Amino acid sequence: MEDLRSDRIAKAEEGLAEMQDVLDQAKRAVDAADRAERAAREASEHARSIGQVAMVVAVAVTVLALIGVGFRRRRDSSPQAG
């Protein structure tokens, strides 16, 4: 009778140890998913910043091009001395 009880206790302890292993693995998986999400968010923010910089540069180039066209038109339409 005592052997049967000891056997059941040993099996229960093995089951608990296996469950603890599964819980530890699940915790590591959740931690890894959190790190991946954080890295993805940082990459997204970085890409958004690069996109904003590209937009500012494109607008600046467009403005400079329009100013250049305006000066050229003014120069071409002004009466030439001579």
Foldseek 3Di string as FASTA:
>chain_A
DVVVVVVVVVVVVVVVVVVVVVVVVVVVVVVVVVVVVVVVVVVVVVVVVVVVVVVVVVVVVVVVVVVVVVVVVVVVPDDDDD
